């Protein structure tokens, strides 16, 4: 599983380090996306 996660990260995907951190990982991605979208408008 660690190898798959590394391959996905290398491809530019965000991967939660564990199931327990899934929510905070998604929240972080959405927050960064919102900031990027706001800066573009």
PDB file of N, CA and C in Angstrom:
ATOM      1  N   UNK A   1       0.822  -1.198   0.000  1.00  0.00           N
ATOM      2  CA  UNK A   1       0.000   0.000   0.000  1.00  0.00           C
ATOM      3  C   UNK A   1       0.860   1.252   0.000  1.00  0.00           C
ATOM      4  N   UNK A   2       1.985   1.214   0.687  1.00  0.00           N
ATOM      5  CA  UNK A   2       2.856   2.384   0.743  1.00  0.00           C
ATOM      6  C   UNK A   2       3.402   2.723  -0.639  1.00  0.00           C
ATOM      7  N   UNK A   3       3.703   1.697  -1.417  1.00  0.00           N
ATOM      8  CA  UNK A   3       4.218   1.925  -2.769  1.00  0.00           C
ATOM      9  C   UNK A   3       3.155   2.572  -3.651  1.00  0.00           C
ATOM     10  N   UNK A   4       1.913   2.123  -3.534  1.00  0.00           N
ATOM     11  CA  UNK A   4       0.822   2.720  -4.312  1.00  0.00           C
ATOM     12  C   UNK A   4       0.631   4.178  -3.926  1.00  0.00           C
ATOM     13  N   UNK A   5       0.679   4.473  -2.635  1.00  0.00           N
ATOM     14  CA  UNK A   5       0.516   5.848  -2.171  1.00  0.00           C
ATOM     15  C   UNK A   5       1.627   6.733  -2.726  1.00  0.00           C
ATOM     16  N   UNK A   6       2.843   6.225  -2.751  1.00  0.00           N
ATOM     17  CA  UNK A   6       3.966   6.991  -3.286  1.00  0.00           C
ATOM     18  C   UNK A   6       3.784   7.266  -4.777  1.00  0.00           C
ATOM     19  N   UNK A   7       3.313   6.279  -5.514  1.00  0.00           N
ATOM     20  CA  UNK A   7       3.067   6.452  -6.948  1.00  0.00           C
ATOM     21  C   UNK A   7       1.993   7.515  -7.172  1.00  0.00           C
ATOM     22  N   UNK A   8       0.941   7.469  -6.373  1.00  0.00           N
ATOM     23  CA  UNK A   8      -0.125   8.464  -6.514  1.00  0.00           C
ATOM     24  C   UNK A   8       0.388   9.862  -6.178  1.00  0.00           C
ATOM     25  N   UNK A   9       1.187   9.989  -5.118  1.00  0.00           N
ATOM     26  CA  UNK A   9       1.764  11.296  -4.771  1.00  0.00           C
ATOM     27  C   UNK A   9       2.651  11.807  -5.900  1.00  0.00           C
ATOM     28  N   UNK A  10       3.458  10.928  -6.472  1.00  0.00           N
ATOM     29  CA  UNK A  10       4.326  11.308  -7.585  1.00  0.00           C
ATOM     30  C   UNK A  10       3.516  11.781  -8.787  1.00  0.00           C
ATOM     31  N   UNK A  11       2.287  11.291  -8.916  1.00  0.00           N
ATOM     32  CA  UNK A  11       1.408  11.695 -10.012  1.00  0.00           C
ATOM     33  C   UNK A  11       0.660  12.994  -9.703  1.00  0.00           C
ATOM     34  N   UNK A  12       0.880  13.553  -8.510  1.00  0.00           N
ATOM     35  CA  UNK A  12       0.256  14.822  -8.165  1.00  0.00           C
ATOM     36  C   UNK A  12      -1.007  14.709  -7.339  1.00  0.00           C
ATOM     37  N   UNK A  13      -1.350  13.505  -6.911  1.00  0.00           N
ATOM     38  CA  UNK A  13      -2.546  13.319  -6.096  1.00  0.00           C
ATOM     39  C   UNK A  13      -2.231  13.545  -4.625  1.00  0.00           C
ATOM     40  N   UNK A  14      -3.217  13.976  -3.882  1.00  0.00           N
ATOM     41  CA  UNK A  14      -3.075  14.077  -2.438  1.00  0.00           C
ATOM     42  C   UNK A  14      -3.578  12.780  -1.838  1.00  0.00           C
ATOM     43  N   UNK A  15      -2.783  12.192  -0.966  1.00  0.00           N
ATOM     44  CA  UNK A  15      -3.112  10.906  -0.360  1.00  0.00           C
ATOM     45  C   UNK A  15      -3.141  11.074   1.153  1.00  0.00           C
ATOM     46  N   UNK A  16      -4.248  10.673   1.774  1.00  0.00           N
ATOM     47  CA  UNK A  16      -4.341  10.720   3.235  1.00  0.00           C
ATOM     48  C   UNK A  16      -3.379   9.695   3.819  1.00  0.00           C
ATOM     49  N   UNK A  17      -2.608  10.093   4.829  1.00  0.00           N
ATOM     50  CA  UNK A  17      -1.656   9.164   5.429  1.00  0.00           C
ATOM     51  C   UNK A  17      -2.317   7.967   6.112  1.00  0.00           C
ATOM     52  N   UNK A  18      -3.552   8.150   6.571  1.00  0.00           N
ATOM     53  CA  UNK A  18      -4.277   7.054   7.216  1.00  0.00           C
ATOM     54  C   UNK A  18      -5.766   7.335   7.112  1.00  0.00           C
ATOM     55  N   UNK A  19      -6.573   6.322   7.374  1.00  0.00           N
ATOM     56  CA  UNK A  19      -8.025   6.510   7.350  1.00  0.00           C
ATOM     57  C   UNK A  19      -8.460   7.527   8.403  1.00  0.00           C
ATOM     58  N   UNK A  20      -7.761   7.559   9.519  1.00  0.00           N
ATOM     59  CA  UNK A  20      -8.097   8.500  10.587  1.00  0.00           C
ATOM     60  C   UNK A  20      -7.874   9.951  10.161  1.00  0.00           C
ATOM     61  N   UNK A  21      -7.005  10.165   9.188  1.00  0.00           N
ATOM     62  CA  UNK A  21      -6.689  11.521   8.733  1.00  0.00           C
ATOM     63  C   UNK A  21      -7.380  11.886   7.420  1.00  0.00           C
ATOM     64  N   UNK A  22      -8.292  11.067   6.974  1.00  0.00           N
ATOM     65  CA  UNK A  22      -8.965  11.315   5.705  1.00  0.00           C
ATOM     66  C   UNK A  22      -9.723  12.639   5.717  1.00  0.00           C
ATOM     67  N   UNK A  23     -10.498  12.876   6.752  1.00  0.00           N
ATOM     68  CA  UNK A  23     -11.284  14.108   6.827  1.00  0.00           C
ATOM     69  C   UNK A  23     -10.424  15.352   6.820  1.00  0.00           C
ATOM     70  N   UNK A  24      -9.370  15.366   7.619  1.00  0.00           N
ATOM     71  CA  UNK A  24      -8.508  16.551   7.670  1.00  0.00           C
ATOM     72  C   UNK A  24      -7.737  16.730   6.362  1.00  0.00           C
ATOM     73  N   UNK A  25      -7.410  15.635   5.701  1.00  0.00           N
ATOM     74  CA  UNK A  25      -6.721  15.730   4.415  1.00  0.00           C
ATOM     75  C   UNK A  25      -7.640  16.345   3.368  1.00  0.00           C
ATOM     76  N   UNK A  26      -8.875  15.889   3.312  1.00  0.00           N
ATOM     77  CA  UNK A  26      -9.847  16.439   2.361  1.00  0.00           C
ATOM     78  C   UNK A  26     -10.104  17.910   2.667  1.00  0.00           C
ATOM     79  N   UNK A  27     -10.255  18.247   3.940  1.00  0.00           N
ATOM     80  CA  UNK A  27     -10.485  19.641   4.324  1.00  0.00           C
ATOM     81  C   UNK A  27      -9.317  20.522   3.888  1.00  0.00           C
ATOM     82  N   UNK A  28      -8.111  20.035   4.050  1.00  0.00           N
ATOM     83  CA  UNK A  28      -6.940  20.800   3.636  1.00  0.00           C
ATOM     84  C   UNK A  28      -6.894  21.025   2.136  1.00  0.00           C
ATOM     85  N   UNK A  29      -7.211  19.993   1.380  1.00  0.00           N
ATOM     86  CA  UNK A  29      -7.229  20.118  -0.082  1.00  0.00           C
ATOM     87  C   UNK A  29      -8.297  21.118  -0.509  1.00  0.00           C
ATOM     88  N   UNK A  30      -9.476  21.028   0.074  1.00  0.00           N
ATOM     89  CA  UNK A  30     -10.551  21.955  -0.283  1.00  0.00           C
ATOM     90  C   UNK A  30     -10.202  23.385   0.093  1.00  0.00           C
ATOM     91  N   UNK A  31      -9.547  23.582   1.220  1.00  0.00           N
ATOM     92  CA  UNK A  31      -9.151  24.927   1.645  1.00  0.00           C
ATOM     93  C   UNK A  31      -8.134  25.516   0.667  1.00  0.00           C
ATOM     94  N   UNK A  32      -7.159  24.717   0.274  1.00  0.00           N
ATOM     95  CA  UNK A  32      -6.161  25.208  -0.691  1.00  0.00           C
ATOM     96  C   UNK A  32      -6.815  25.503  -2.031  1.00  0.00           C
ATOM     97  N   UNK A  33      -7.762  24.669  -2.417  1.00  0.00           N
ATOM     98  CA  UNK A  33      -8.451  24.878  -3.690  1.00  0.00           C
ATOM     99  C   UNK A  33      -9.280  26.155  -3.655  1.00  0.00           C
ATOM    100  N   UNK A  34      -9.943  26.417  -2.528  1.00  0.00           N
ATOM    101  CA  UNK A  34     -10.749  27.627  -2.389  1.00  0.00           C
ATOM    102  C   UNK A  34      -9.878  28.872  -2.472  1.00  0.00           C
ATOM    103  N   UNK A  35      -8.713  28.846  -1.832  1.00  0.00           N
ATOM    104  CA  UNK A  35      -7.800  29.991  -1.878  1.00  0.00           C
ATOM    105  C   UNK A  35      -7.312  30.230  -3.295  1.00  0.00           C
ATOM    106  N   UNK A  36      -7.004  29.151  -4.005  1.00  0.00           N
ATOM    107  CA  UNK A  36      -6.510  29.278  -5.374  1.00  0.00           C
ATOM    108  C   UNK A  36      -7.606  29.837  -6.278  1.00  0.00           C
ATOM    109  N   UNK A  37      -8.834  29.369  -6.093  1.00  0.00           N
ATOM    110  CA  UNK A  37      -9.953  29.837  -6.902  1.00  0.00           C
ATOM    111  C   UNK A  37     -10.239  31.306  -6.621  1.00  0.00           C
ATOM    112  N   UNK A  38     -10.191  31.706  -5.351  1.00  0.00           N
ATOM    113  CA  UNK A  38     -10.444  33.095  -4.978  1.00  0.00           C
ATOM    114  C   UNK A  38      -9.372  34.014  -5.555  1.00  0.00           C
ATOM    115  N   UNK A  39      -8.142  33.575  -5.589  1.00  0.00           N
ATOM    116  CA  UNK A  39      -7.053  34.388  -6.117  1.00  0.00           C
ATOM    117  C   UNK A  39      -7.174  34.570  -7.627  1.00  0.00           C
ATOM    118  N   UNK A  40      -7.794  33.628  -8.299  1.00  0.00           N
ATOM    119  CA  UNK A  40      -7.911  33.681  -9.756  1.00  0.00           C
ATOM    120  C   UNK A  40      -9.033  34.602 -10.217  1.00  0.00           C
ATOM    121  N   UNK A  41      -9.939  34.957  -9.313  1.00  0.00           N
ATOM    122  CA  UNK A  41     -11.075  35.794  -9.737  1.00  0.00           C
ATOM    123  C   UNK A  41     -10.877  37.231  -9.421  1.00  0.00           C
TER     124      UNK A  41
END
